[in-house]
Amino acid sequence: MDKCTRELLGFQDESLIFEKDRWFSRGVDKKNRKFNRIDGLYAKVPTHCESCGVLFQS
C-alpha cells in the first residue's frame, strides 16, 4: 500500500503493515454480494508490561 492510499483511507498508524502486492482483494460472498477487502497486520511492540509496568528492553 502506498502513502497516497494510506492517506485516502485515513490509516495513520505506522504499526499497520501491508504486504506489497497482496494487501487488496475483491470477492463475492454467499449471498452474491461483492466486497473489497484490505488485509494487513497490526504489529505494535509494547514498551512496558501493562500489568506491572516493567519496561521492556529494545
Protein backbone atom coordinates (compact mmCIF):
# COMPACT_ATOMS: atom_id res chain seq x y z
CA MET A 1 0.00 0.00 0.00
CA ASP A 2 1.47 3.33 -0.96
CA LYS A 3 1.40 6.57 1.02
CA CYS A 4 -1.40 8.13 -1.05
CA THR A 5 -3.74 5.18 -0.40
CA ARG A 6 -2.92 5.28 3.32
CA GLU A 7 -3.84 8.96 3.44
CA LEU A 8 -7.03 8.43 1.41
CA LEU A 9 -8.22 5.69 3.78
CA GLY A 10 -7.07 7.57 6.88
CA PHE A 11 -4.57 4.94 8.06
CA GLN A 12 -2.12 6.99 10.11
CA ASP A 13 -0.79 4.34 12.48
CA GLU A 14 2.71 3.24 11.49
CA SER A 15 2.12 -0.10 13.25
CA LEU A 16 -0.14 -1.19 10.37
CA ILE A 17 1.83 -3.36 7.94
CA PHE A 18 0.53 -4.30 4.50
CA GLU A 19 2.10 -6.76 2.07
CA LYS A 20 3.43 -5.04 -1.00
CA ASP A 21 1.32 -6.74 -3.70
CA ARG A 22 -1.36 -8.62 -1.77
CA TRP A 23 -2.98 -6.04 0.51
CA PHE A 24 -6.19 -5.58 -1.52
CA SER A 25 -8.63 -8.19 -2.81
CA ARG A 26 -12.15 -8.36 -4.19
CA GLY A 27 -14.67 -11.13 -3.77
CA VAL A 28 -18.27 -12.28 -3.70
CA ASP A 29 -19.95 -13.61 -0.56
CA LYS A 30 -22.52 -16.41 -0.20
CA LYS A 31 -25.41 -14.04 -0.90
CA ASN A 32 -23.75 -12.97 -4.17
CA ARG A 33 -22.74 -9.54 -2.81
CA LYS A 34 -19.46 -8.02 -3.98
CA PHE A 35 -16.93 -6.78 -1.43
CA ASN A 36 -13.47 -5.24 -1.23
CA ARG A 37 -11.06 -6.40 1.47
CA ILE A 38 -7.85 -4.92 2.82
CA ASP A 39 -5.50 -7.37 4.53
CA GLY A 40 -2.73 -6.33 6.86
CA LEU A 41 -1.07 -6.82 10.22
CA TYR A 42 -1.06 -4.71 13.33
CA ALA A 43 2.40 -5.13 14.80
CA LYS A 44 2.74 -2.73 17.70
CA VAL A 45 5.55 -3.62 20.05
CA PRO A 46 4.69 -2.73 23.65
CA THR A 47 7.16 -0.61 25.59
CA HIS A 48 6.15 -1.89 29.02
CA CYS A 49 4.12 -4.58 30.78
CA GLU A 50 0.53 -3.43 31.24
CA SER A 51 0.17 -5.46 34.45
CA CYS A 52 3.23 -4.43 36.44
CA GLY A 53 4.70 -1.53 34.44
CA VAL A 54 8.17 -3.02 33.92
CA LEU A 55 9.86 -1.53 30.85
CA PHE A 56 10.87 -3.93 28.07
CA GLN A 57 14.37 -3.75 26.68
CA SER A 58 14.56 -2.92 23.00
